[in-house]
Amino acid sequence: MIDSLFLKLANIAETEFADVTTCCEIKEGKLRLFIVDETFLDIWFSRQLKGRYAYHWERRHLDNTIYRWGNAKHDVWKNVKTFPHHFHNRIDDNVSESFLP
């Protein structure tokens, strides 16, 4: 079921966002979208835990930044108001609220 969702998302990325997406691949349980600036976006949905997700935009080779949204219940982020939903802004340890549905 998740693989069919990834195929749909890959199709959307390759058709509606062809100006910024160079290609897509599904591997290791996630969808990876390659962006024209040589960054990539990973989309992951848990196969075992309904509603568990993570989105990761990897930019380390450009400006040493990452942007990640997720809802893993890491105790270290339990003080975040939207816990377990949280956002890693630029670096792994800079975490704030996330209002993604």
PDB file of N, CA and C in Angstrom:
ATOM      1  N   MET A   1       0.815  -1.188   0.000  1.00  0.00           N
ATOM      2  CA  MET A   1       0.000   0.000   0.000  1.00  0.00           C
ATOM      3  C   MET A   1       0.866   1.264   0.000  1.00  0.00           C
ATOM      4  N   ILE A   2       1.908   1.273   0.836  1.00  0.00           N
ATOM      5  CA  ILE A   2       2.785   2.441   0.876  1.00  0.00           C
ATOM      6  C   ILE A   2       3.533   2.597  -0.444  1.00  0.00           C
ATOM      7  N   ASP A   3       3.957   1.466  -1.038  1.00  0.00           N
ATOM      8  CA  ASP A   3       4.652   1.561  -2.319  1.00  0.00           C
ATOM      9  C   ASP A   3       3.761   2.176  -3.396  1.00  0.00           C
ATOM     10  N   SER A   4       2.458   1.858  -3.395  1.00  0.00           N
ATOM     11  CA  SER A   4       1.560   2.469  -4.380  1.00  0.00           C
ATOM     12  C   SER A   4       1.408   3.970  -4.113  1.00  0.00           C
ATOM     13  N   LEU A   5       1.416   4.358  -2.839  1.00  0.00           N
ATOM     14  CA  LEU A   5       1.379   5.781  -2.502  1.00  0.00           C
ATOM     15  C   LEU A   5       2.653   6.463  -2.987  1.00  0.00           C
ATOM     16  N   PHE A   6       3.803   5.821  -2.776  1.00  0.00           N
ATOM     17  CA  PHE A   6       5.067   6.381  -3.257  1.00  0.00           C
ATOM     18  C   PHE A   6       5.057   6.541  -4.776  1.00  0.00           C
ATOM     19  N   LEU A   7       4.493   5.567  -5.483  1.00  0.00           N
ATOM     20  CA  LEU A   7       4.413   5.664  -6.948  1.00  0.00           C
ATOM     21  C   LEU A   7       3.559   6.856  -7.365  1.00  0.00           C
ATOM     22  N   LYS A   8       2.456   7.069  -6.667  1.00  0.00           N
ATOM     23  CA  LYS A   8       1.598   8.223  -6.961  1.00  0.00           C
ATOM     24  C   LYS A   8       2.331   9.534  -6.688  1.00  0.00           C
ATOM     25  N   LEU A   9       3.023   9.611  -5.546  1.00  0.00           N
ATOM     26  CA  LEU A   9       3.771  10.819  -5.213  1.00  0.00           C
ATOM     27  C   LEU A   9       4.913  11.064  -6.201  1.00  0.00           C
ATOM     28  N   ALA A  10       5.593   9.999  -6.608  1.00  0.00           N
ATOM     29  CA  ALA A  10       6.670  10.126  -7.594  1.00  0.00           C
ATOM     30  C   ALA A  10       6.119  10.645  -8.921  1.00  0.00           C
ATOM     31  N   ASN A  11       4.970  10.150  -9.315  1.00  0.00           N
ATOM     32  CA  ASN A  11       4.345  10.608 -10.548  1.00  0.00           C
ATOM     33  C   ASN A  11       3.991  12.097 -10.459  1.00  0.00           C
ATOM     34  N   ILE A  12       3.457  12.518  -9.327  1.00  0.00           N
ATOM     35  CA  ILE A  12       3.141  13.941  -9.134  1.00  0.00           C
ATOM     36  C   ILE A  12       4.410  14.775  -9.218  1.00  0.00           C
ATOM     37  N   ALA A  13       5.466  14.325  -8.542  1.00  0.00           N
ATOM     38  CA  ALA A  13       6.725  15.076  -8.541  1.00  0.00           C
ATOM     39  C   ALA A  13       7.294  15.187  -9.948  1.00  0.00           C
ATOM     40  N   GLU A  14       7.262  14.089 -10.699  1.00  0.00           N
ATOM     41  CA  GLU A  14       7.865  14.075 -12.027  1.00  0.00           C
ATOM     42  C   GLU A  14       7.035  14.807 -13.073  1.00  0.00           C
ATOM     43  N   THR A  15       5.736  14.962 -12.851  1.00  0.00           N
ATOM     44  CA  THR A  15       4.906  15.657 -13.832  1.00  0.00           C
ATOM     45  C   THR A  15       4.625  17.100 -13.435  1.00  0.00           C
ATOM     46  N   GLU A  16       4.162  17.310 -12.208  1.00  0.00           N
ATOM     47  CA  GLU A  16       3.783  18.655 -11.794  1.00  0.00           C
ATOM     48  C   GLU A  16       4.957  19.504 -11.305  1.00  0.00           C
ATOM     49  N   PHE A  17       6.046  18.853 -10.939  1.00  0.00           N
ATOM     50  CA  PHE A  17       7.217  19.583 -10.447  1.00  0.00           C
ATOM     51  C   PHE A  17       8.466  19.210 -11.244  1.00  0.00           C
ATOM     52  N   ALA A  18       8.278  18.949 -12.528  1.00  0.00           N
ATOM     53  CA  ALA A  18       9.386  18.544 -13.395  1.00  0.00           C
ATOM     54  C   ALA A  18      10.465  19.612 -13.497  1.00  0.00           C
ATOM     55  N   ASP A  19      10.113  20.859 -13.254  1.00  0.00           N
ATOM     56  CA  ASP A  19      11.101  21.937 -13.332  1.00  0.00           C
ATOM     57  C   ASP A  19      12.072  21.920 -12.152  1.00  0.00           C
ATOM     58  N   VAL A  20      11.735  21.249 -11.062  1.00  0.00           N
ATOM     59  CA  VAL A  20      12.636  21.191  -9.907  1.00  0.00           C
ATOM     60  C   VAL A  20      13.051  19.769  -9.522  1.00  0.00           C
ATOM     61  N   THR A  21      12.382  18.759 -10.054  1.00  0.00           N
ATOM     62  CA  THR A  21      12.682  17.368  -9.726  1.00  0.00           C
ATOM     63  C   THR A  21      13.389  16.708 -10.897  1.00  0.00           C
ATOM     64  N   THR A  22      14.553  16.102 -10.637  1.00  0.00           N
ATOM     65  CA  THR A  22      15.284  15.446 -11.722  1.00  0.00           C
ATOM     66  C   THR A  22      14.898  13.979 -11.871  1.00  0.00           C
ATOM     67  N   CYS A  23      14.664  13.287 -10.756  1.00  0.00           N
ATOM     68  CA  CYS A  23      14.200  11.901 -10.802  1.00  0.00           C
ATOM     69  C   CYS A  23      13.753  11.479  -9.416  1.00  0.00           C
ATOM     70  N   CYS A  24      13.171  10.290  -9.354  1.00  0.00           N
ATOM     71  CA  CYS A  24      12.670   9.745  -8.100  1.00  0.00           C
ATOM     72  C   CYS A  24      13.076   8.286  -8.003  1.00  0.00           C
ATOM     73  N   GLU A  25      13.232   7.816  -6.779  1.00  0.00           N
ATOM     74  CA  GLU A  25      13.452   6.381  -6.588  1.00  0.00           C
ATOM     75  C   GLU A  25      12.824   5.946  -5.271  1.00  0.00           C
ATOM     76  N   ILE A  26      12.369   4.711  -5.272  1.00  0.00           N
ATOM     77  CA  ILE A  26      11.819   4.101  -4.068  1.00  0.00           C
ATOM     78  C   ILE A  26      12.813   3.040  -3.635  1.00  0.00           C
ATOM     79  N   LYS A  27      13.370   3.233  -2.432  1.00  0.00           N
ATOM     80  CA  LYS A  27      14.290   2.226  -1.924  1.00  0.00           C
ATOM     81  C   LYS A  27      14.399   2.356  -0.419  1.00  0.00           C
ATOM     82  N   GLU A  28      14.677   1.236   0.217  1.00  0.00           N
ATOM     83  CA  GLU A  28      14.817   1.181   1.663  1.00  0.00           C
ATOM     84  C   GLU A  28      13.602   1.762   2.385  1.00  0.00           C
ATOM     85  N   GLY A  29      12.405   1.533   1.826  1.00  0.00           N
ATOM     86  CA  GLY A  29      11.174   1.930   2.480  1.00  0.00           C
ATOM     87  C   GLY A  29      10.851   3.403   2.439  1.00  0.00           C
ATOM     88  N   LYS A  30      11.475   4.123   1.514  1.00  0.00           N
ATOM     89  CA  LYS A  30      11.180   5.555   1.407  1.00  0.00           C
ATOM     90  C   LYS A  30      11.213   5.975  -0.053  1.00  0.00           C
ATOM     91  N   LEU A  31      10.591   7.116  -0.299  1.00  0.00           N
ATOM     92  CA  LEU A  31      10.625   7.736  -1.610  1.00  0.00           C
ATOM     93  C   LEU A  31      11.668   8.838  -1.559  1.00  0.00           C
ATOM     94  N   ARG A  32      12.607   8.827  -2.493  1.00  0.00           N
ATOM     95  CA  ARG A  32      13.617   9.881  -2.577  1.00  0.00           C
ATOM     96  C   ARG A  32      13.387  10.669  -3.859  1.00  0.00           C
ATOM     97  N   LEU A  33      13.215  11.981  -3.701  1.00  0.00           N
ATOM     98  CA  LEU A  33      13.059  12.896  -4.821  1.00  0.00           C
ATOM     99  C   LEU A  33      14.355  13.674  -4.976  1.00  0.00           C
ATOM    100  N   PHE A  34      14.965  13.596  -6.144  1.00  0.00           N
ATOM    101  CA  PHE A  34      16.198  14.327  -6.410  1.00  0.00           C
ATOM    102  C   PHE A  34      15.830  15.683  -7.009  1.00  0.00           C
ATOM    103  N   ILE A  35      16.419  16.739  -6.464  1.00  0.00           N
ATOM    104  CA  ILE A  35      16.100  18.114  -6.825  1.00  0.00           C
ATOM    105  C   ILE A  35      17.211  18.668  -7.730  1.00  0.00           C
ATOM    106  N   VAL A  36      16.862  19.612  -8.597  1.00  0.00           N
ATOM    107  CA  VAL A  36      17.820  20.142  -9.572  1.00  0.00           C
ATOM    108  C   VAL A  36      19.062  20.765  -8.943  1.00  0.00           C
ATOM    109  N   ASP A  37      18.978  21.241  -7.718  1.00  0.00           N
ATOM    110  CA  ASP A  37      20.157  21.829  -7.061  1.00  0.00           C
ATOM    111  C   ASP A  37      21.033  20.761  -6.403  1.00  0.00           C
ATOM    112  N   GLU A  38      20.781  19.489  -6.735  1.00  0.00           N
ATOM    113  CA  GLU A  38      21.499  18.314  -6.246  1.00  0.00           C
ATOM    114  C   GLU A  38      21.228  18.009  -4.772  1.00  0.00           C
ATOM    115  N   THR A  39      20.140  18.561  -4.233  1.00  0.00           N
ATOM    116  CA  THR A  39      19.672  18.149  -2.915  1.00  0.00           C
ATOM    117  C   THR A  39      18.646  17.036  -3.124  1.00  0.00           C
ATOM    118  N   PHE A  40      18.161  16.463  -2.038  1.00  0.00           N
ATOM    119  CA  PHE A  40      17.105  15.463  -2.177  1.00  0.00           C
ATOM    120  C   PHE A  40      16.145  15.554  -1.014  1.00  0.00           C
ATOM    121  N   LEU A  41      14.936  15.075  -1.265  1.00  0.00           N
ATOM    122  CA  LEU A  41      13.877  15.023  -0.265  1.00  0.00           C
ATOM    123  C   LEU A  41      13.479  13.568  -0.071  1.00  0.00           C
ATOM    124  N   ASP A  42      13.547  13.080   1.164  1.00  0.00           N
ATOM    125  CA  ASP A  42      13.085  11.734   1.494  1.00  0.00           C
ATOM    126  C   ASP A  42      11.715  11.828   2.139  1.00  0.00           C
ATOM    127  N   ILE A  43      10.835  10.932   1.720  1.00  0.00           N
ATOM    128  CA  ILE A  43       9.502  10.823   2.296  1.00  0.00           C
ATOM    129  C   ILE A  43       9.372   9.403   2.834  1.00  0.00           C
ATOM    130  N   TRP A  44       9.032   9.286   4.117  1.00  0.00           N
ATOM    131  CA  TRP A  44       8.945   7.984   4.754  1.00  0.00           C
ATOM    132  C   TRP A  44       7.656   7.889   5.561  1.00  0.00           C
ATOM    133  N   PHE A  45       6.983   6.772   5.416  1.00  0.00           N
ATOM    134  CA  PHE A  45       5.805   6.456   6.218  1.00  0.00           C
ATOM    135  C   PHE A  45       6.019   5.067   6.811  1.00  0.00           C
ATOM    136  N   SER A  46       5.737   4.907   8.085  1.00  0.00           N
ATOM    137  CA  SER A  46       5.932   3.621   8.749  1.00  0.00           C
ATOM    138  C   SER A  46       4.971   2.581   8.196  1.00  0.00           C
ATOM    139  N   ARG A  47       5.477   1.382   8.012  1.00  0.00           N
ATOM    140  CA  ARG A  47       4.636   0.259   7.598  1.00  0.00           C
ATOM    141  C   ARG A  47       3.973  -0.403   8.809  1.00  0.00           C
ATOM    142  N   GLN A  48       4.559  -0.240  10.006  1.00  0.00           N
ATOM    143  CA  GLN A  48       4.027  -0.879  11.202  1.00  0.00           C
ATOM    144  C   GLN A  48       3.186   0.051  12.074  1.00  0.00           C
ATOM    145  N   LEU A  49       3.560   1.320  12.159  1.00  0.00           N
ATOM    146  CA  LEU A  49       2.887   2.247  13.066  1.00  0.00           C
ATOM    147  C   LEU A  49       2.091   3.266  12.265  1.00  0.00           C
ATOM    148  N   LYS A  50       0.778   3.110  12.270  1.00  0.00           N
ATOM    149  CA  LYS A  50      -0.089   3.994  11.504  1.00  0.00           C
ATOM    150  C   LYS A  50       0.114   5.450  11.925  1.00  0.00           C
ATOM    151  N   GLY A  51       0.283   6.310  10.943  1.00  0.00           N
ATOM    152  CA  GLY A  51       0.429   7.728  11.212  1.00  0.00           C
ATOM    153  C   GLY A  51       1.849   8.194  11.466  1.00  0.00           C
ATOM    154  N   ARG A  52       2.815   7.285  11.550  1.00  0.00           N
ATOM    155  CA  ARG A  52       4.217   7.671  11.788  1.00  0.00           C
ATOM    156  C   ARG A  52       4.834   8.086  10.461  1.00  0.00           C
ATOM    157  N   TYR A  53       5.509   9.229  10.447  1.00  0.00           N
ATOM    158  CA  TYR A  53       6.059   9.772   9.207  1.00  0.00           C
ATOM    159  C   TYR A  53       7.354  10.531   9.458  1.00  0.00           C
ATOM    160  N   ALA A  54       8.086  10.785   8.385  1.00  0.00           N
ATOM    161  CA  ALA A  54       9.244  11.684   8.411  1.00  0.00           C
ATOM    162  C   ALA A  54       9.458  12.207   6.998  1.00  0.00           C
ATOM    163  N   TYR A  55       9.772  13.490   6.924  1.00  0.00           N
ATOM    164  CA  TYR A  55      10.169  14.136   5.669  1.00  0.00           C
ATOM    165  C   TYR A  55      11.534  14.741   5.930  1.00  0.00           C
ATOM    166  N   HIS A  56      12.472  14.499   5.055  1.00  0.00           N
ATOM    167  CA  HIS A  56      13.842  14.954   5.276  1.00  0.00           C
ATOM    168  C   HIS A  56      14.367  15.608   4.001  1.00  0.00           C
ATOM    169  N   TRP A  57      14.777  16.871   4.102  1.00  0.00           N
ATOM    170  CA  TRP A  57      15.384  17.575   2.970  1.00  0.00           C
ATOM    171  C   TRP A  57      16.866  17.711   3.262  1.00  0.00           C
ATOM    172  N   GLU A  58      17.659  17.020   2.499  1.00  0.00           N
ATOM    173  CA  GLU A  58      19.109  16.947   2.686  1.00  0.00           C
ATOM    174  C   GLU A  58      19.816  17.986   1.830  1.00  0.00           C
ATOM    175  N   ARG A  59      20.515  18.938   2.503  1.00  0.00           N
ATOM    176  CA  ARG A  59      21.225  20.017   1.809  1.00  0.00           C
ATOM    177  C   ARG A  59      22.662  20.162   2.310  1.00  0.00           C
ATOM    178  N   ARG A  60      23.164  19.163   3.023  1.00  0.00           N
ATOM    179  CA  ARG A  60      24.480  19.291   3.662  1.00  0.00           C
ATOM    180  C   ARG A  60      25.586  19.649   2.678  1.00  0.00           C
ATOM    181  N   HIS A  61      25.564  19.095   1.479  1.00  0.00           N
ATOM    182  CA  HIS A  61      26.652  19.375   0.530  1.00  0.00           C
ATOM    183  C   HIS A  61      26.593  20.798  -0.030  1.00  0.00           C
ATOM    184  N   LEU A  62      25.439  21.466   0.073  1.00  0.00           N
ATOM    185  CA  LEU A  62      25.317  22.849  -0.408  1.00  0.00           C
ATOM    186  C   LEU A  62      25.659  23.870   0.668  1.00  0.00           C
ATOM    187  N   ASP A  63      24.981  23.755   1.813  1.00  0.00           N
ATOM    188  CA  ASP A  63      25.166  24.764   2.857  1.00  0.00           C
ATOM    189  C   ASP A  63      25.179  24.148   4.255  1.00  0.00           C
ATOM    190  N   ASN A  64      25.423  22.825   4.305  1.00  0.00           N
ATOM    191  CA  ASN A  64      25.528  22.093   5.567  1.00  0.00           C
ATOM    192  C   ASN A  64      24.240  22.145   6.397  1.00  0.00           C
ATOM    193  N   THR A  65      23.078  22.148   5.722  1.00  0.00           N
ATOM    194  CA  THR A  65      21.810  22.173   6.440  1.00  0.00           C
ATOM    195  C   THR A  65      20.958  20.953   6.117  1.00  0.00           C
ATOM    196  N   ILE A  66      20.040  20.679   7.036  1.00  0.00           N
ATOM    197  CA  ILE A  66      18.977  19.690   6.831  1.00  0.00           C
ATOM    198  C   ILE A  66      17.695  20.307   7.353  1.00  0.00           C
ATOM    199  N   TYR A  67      16.597  19.829   6.821  1.00  0.00           N
ATOM    200  CA  TYR A  67      15.277  20.213   7.329  1.00  0.00           C
ATOM    201  C   TYR A  67      14.507  18.906   7.438  1.00  0.00           C
ATOM    202  N   ARG A  68      13.973  18.624   8.626  1.00  0.00           N
ATOM    203  CA  ARG A  68      13.294  17.350   8.821  1.00  0.00           C
ATOM    204  C   ARG A  68      12.053  17.558   9.679  1.00  0.00           C
ATOM    205  N   TRP A  69      10.960  16.972   9.218  1.00  0.00           N
ATOM    206  CA  TRP A  69       9.706  16.977   9.951  1.00  0.00           C
ATOM    207  C   TRP A  69       9.402  15.525  10.298  1.00  0.00           C
ATOM    208  N   GLY A  70       8.984  15.274  11.506  1.00  0.00           N
ATOM    209  CA  GLY A  70       8.661  13.904  11.865  1.00  0.00           C
ATOM    210  C   GLY A  70       7.828  13.849  13.131  1.00  0.00           C
ATOM    211  N   ASN A  71       7.445  12.618  13.470  1.00  0.00           N
ATOM    212  CA  ASN A  71       6.683  12.438  14.697  1.00  0.00           C
ATOM    213  C   ASN A  71       7.148  11.222  15.489  1.00  0.00           C
ATOM    214  N   ALA A  72       8.430  10.911  15.386  1.00  0.00           N
ATOM    215  CA  ALA A  72       8.994   9.860  16.241  1.00  0.00           C
ATOM    216  C   ALA A  72       9.003  10.375  17.681  1.00  0.00           C
ATOM    217  N   LYS A  73       8.672   9.515  18.612  1.00  0.00           N
ATOM    218  CA  LYS A  73       8.539   9.929  20.018  1.00  0.00           C
ATOM    219  C   LYS A  73       9.885   9.899  20.734  1.00  0.00           C
ATOM    220  N   HIS A  74      10.816  10.741  20.282  1.00  0.00           N
ATOM    221  CA  HIS A  74      12.118  10.843  20.934  1.00  0.00           C
ATOM    222  C   HIS A  74      11.953  11.629  22.235  1.00  0.00           C
ATOM    223  N   ASP A  75      12.298  11.011  23.353  1.00  0.00           N
ATOM    224  CA  ASP A  75      12.127  11.663  24.659  1.00  0.00           C
ATOM    225  C   ASP A  75      12.869  12.993  24.749  1.00  0.00           C
ATOM    226  N   VAL A  76      13.964  13.118  24.038  1.00  0.00           N
ATOM    227  CA  VAL A  76      14.740  14.354  24.106  1.00  0.00           C
ATOM    228  C   VAL A  76      13.936  15.562  23.604  1.00  0.00           C
ATOM    229  N   TRP A  77      12.898  15.319  22.770  1.00  0.00           N
ATOM    230  CA  TRP A  77      12.085  16.412  22.232  1.00  0.00           C
ATOM    231  C   TRP A  77      10.726  16.521  22.935  1.00  0.00           C
ATOM    232  N   LYS A  78      10.548  15.858  24.078  1.00  0.00           N
ATOM    233  CA  LYS A  78       9.241  15.863  24.735  1.00  0.00           C
ATOM    234  C   LYS A  78       8.824  17.237  25.244  1.00  0.00           C
ATOM    235  N   ASN A  79       9.746  18.202  25.326  1.00  0.00           N
ATOM    236  CA  ASN A  79       9.388  19.552  25.746  1.00  0.00           C
ATOM    237  C   ASN A  79       8.841  20.404  24.601  1.00  0.00           C
ATOM    238  N   VAL A  80       8.894  19.888  23.376  1.00  0.00           N
ATOM    239  CA  VAL A  80       8.356  20.606  22.221  1.00  0.00           C
ATOM    240  C   VAL A  80       6.827  20.605  22.320  1.00  0.00           C
ATOM    241  N   LYS A  81       6.219  21.750  22.185  1.00  0.00           N
ATOM    242  CA  LYS A  81       4.772  21.919  22.401  1.00  0.00           C
ATOM    243  C   LYS A  81       3.926  20.966  21.550  1.00  0.00           C
ATOM    244  N   THR A  82       4.372  20.647  20.337  1.00  0.00           N
ATOM    245  CA  THR A  82       3.593  19.785  19.439  1.00  0.00           C
ATOM    246  C   THR A  82       4.045  18.317  19.499  1.00  0.00           C
ATOM    247  N   PHE A  83       4.813  17.942  20.518  1.00  0.00           N
ATOM    248  CA  PHE A  83       5.319  16.576  20.670  1.00  0.00           C
ATOM    249  C   PHE A  83       4.211  15.551  20.458  1.00  0.00           C
ATOM    250  N   PRO A  84       4.447  14.505  19.685  1.00  0.00           N
ATOM    251  CA  PRO A  84       5.719  14.069  19.128  1.00  0.00           C
ATOM    252  C   PRO A  84       6.095  14.740  17.801  1.00  0.00           C
ATOM    253  N   HIS A  85       5.199  15.532  17.235  1.00  0.00           N
ATOM    254  CA  HIS A  85       5.508  16.223  15.977  1.00  0.00           C
ATOM    255  C   HIS A  85       6.575  17.278  16.240  1.00  0.00           C
ATOM    256  N   HIS A  86       7.606  17.292  15.397  1.00  0.00           N
ATOM    257  CA  HIS A  86       8.693  18.241  15.602  1.00  0.00           C
ATOM    258  C   HIS A  86       9.392  18.532  14.277  1.00  0.00           C
ATOM    259  N   PHE A  87      10.185  19.594  14.268  1.00  0.00           N
ATOM    260  CA  PHE A  87      10.868  20.075  13.068  1.00  0.00           C
ATOM    261  C   PHE A  87      12.336  20.339  13.397  1.00  0.00           C
ATOM    262  N   HIS A  88      13.229  19.724  12.622  1.00  0.00           N
ATOM    263  CA  HIS A  88      14.664  19.986  12.737  1.00  0.00           C
ATOM    264  C   HIS A  88      14.978  21.098  11.738  1.00  0.00           C
ATOM    265  N   ASN A  89      15.408  22.237  12.249  1.00  0.00           N
ATOM    266  CA  ASN A  89      15.625  23.419  11.419  1.00  0.00           C
ATOM    267  C   ASN A  89      17.112  23.691  11.240  1.00  0.00           C
ATOM    268  N   ARG A  90      17.623  23.359  10.083  1.00  0.00           N
ATOM    269  CA  ARG A  90      19.004  23.588   9.651  1.00  0.00           C
ATOM    270  C   ARG A  90      19.991  22.553  10.192  1.00  0.00           C
ATOM    271  N   ILE A  91      19.876  22.159  11.470  1.00  0.00           N
ATOM    272  CA  ILE A  91      20.758  21.149  12.052  1.00  0.00           C
ATOM    273  C   ILE A  91      19.917  20.179  12.880  1.00  0.00           C
ATOM    274  N   ASP A  92      20.475  18.995  13.128  1.00  0.00           N
ATOM    275  CA  ASP A  92      19.731  17.955  13.849  1.00  0.00           C
ATOM    276  C   ASP A  92      19.268  18.398  15.236  1.00  0.00           C
ATOM    277  N   ASP A  93      20.076  19.175  15.936  1.00  0.00           N
ATOM    278  CA  ASP A  93      19.768  19.523  17.315  1.00  0.00           C
ATOM    279  C   ASP A  93      18.918  20.775  17.486  1.00  0.00           C
ATOM    280  N   ASN A  94      18.608  21.477  16.421  1.00  0.00           N
ATOM    281  CA  ASN A  94      17.760  22.663  16.504  1.00  0.00           C
ATOM    282  C   ASN A  94      16.325  22.249  16.175  1.00  0.00           C
ATOM    283  N   VAL A  95      15.565  21.914  17.214  1.00  0.00           N
ATOM    284  CA  VAL A  95      14.235  21.329  17.039  1.00  0.00           C
ATOM    285  C   VAL A  95      13.180  22.279  17.587  1.00  0.00           C
ATOM    286  N   SER A  96      12.086  22.388  16.830  1.00  0.00           N
ATOM    287  CA  SER A  96      10.975  23.255  17.233  1.00  0.00           C
ATOM    288  C   SER A  96       9.654  22.580  16.907  1.00  0.00           C
ATOM    289  N   GLU A  97       8.571  23.306  17.153  1.00  0.00           N
ATOM    290  CA  GLU A  97       7.221  22.794  16.887  1.00  0.00           C
ATOM    291  C   GLU A  97       7.022  22.517  15.403  1.00  0.00           C
ATOM    292  N   SER A  98       6.155  21.576  15.114  1.00  0.00           N
ATOM    293  CA  SER A  98       5.765  21.284  13.737  1.00  0.00           C
ATOM    294  C   SER A  98       4.249  21.145  13.688  1.00  0.00           C
ATOM    295  N   PHE A  99       3.638  21.866  12.781  1.00  0.00           N
ATOM    296  CA  PHE A  99       2.183  21.833  12.649  1.00  0.00           C
ATOM    297  C   PHE A  99       1.746  21.097  11.388  1.00  0.00           C
ATOM    298  N   LEU A 100       2.623  20.283  10.805  1.00  0.00           N
ATOM    299  CA  LEU A 100       2.211  19.471   9.661  1.00  0.00           C
ATOM    300  C   LEU A 100       1.136  18.485  10.111  1.00  0.00           C
ATOM    301  N   PRO A 101       0.118  18.289   9.275  1.00  0.00           N
ATOM    302  CA  PRO A 101      -0.919  17.316   9.641  1.00  0.00           C
ATOM    303  C   PRO A 101      -0.406  15.896   9.474  1.00  0.00           C
TER     304      PRO A 101
END
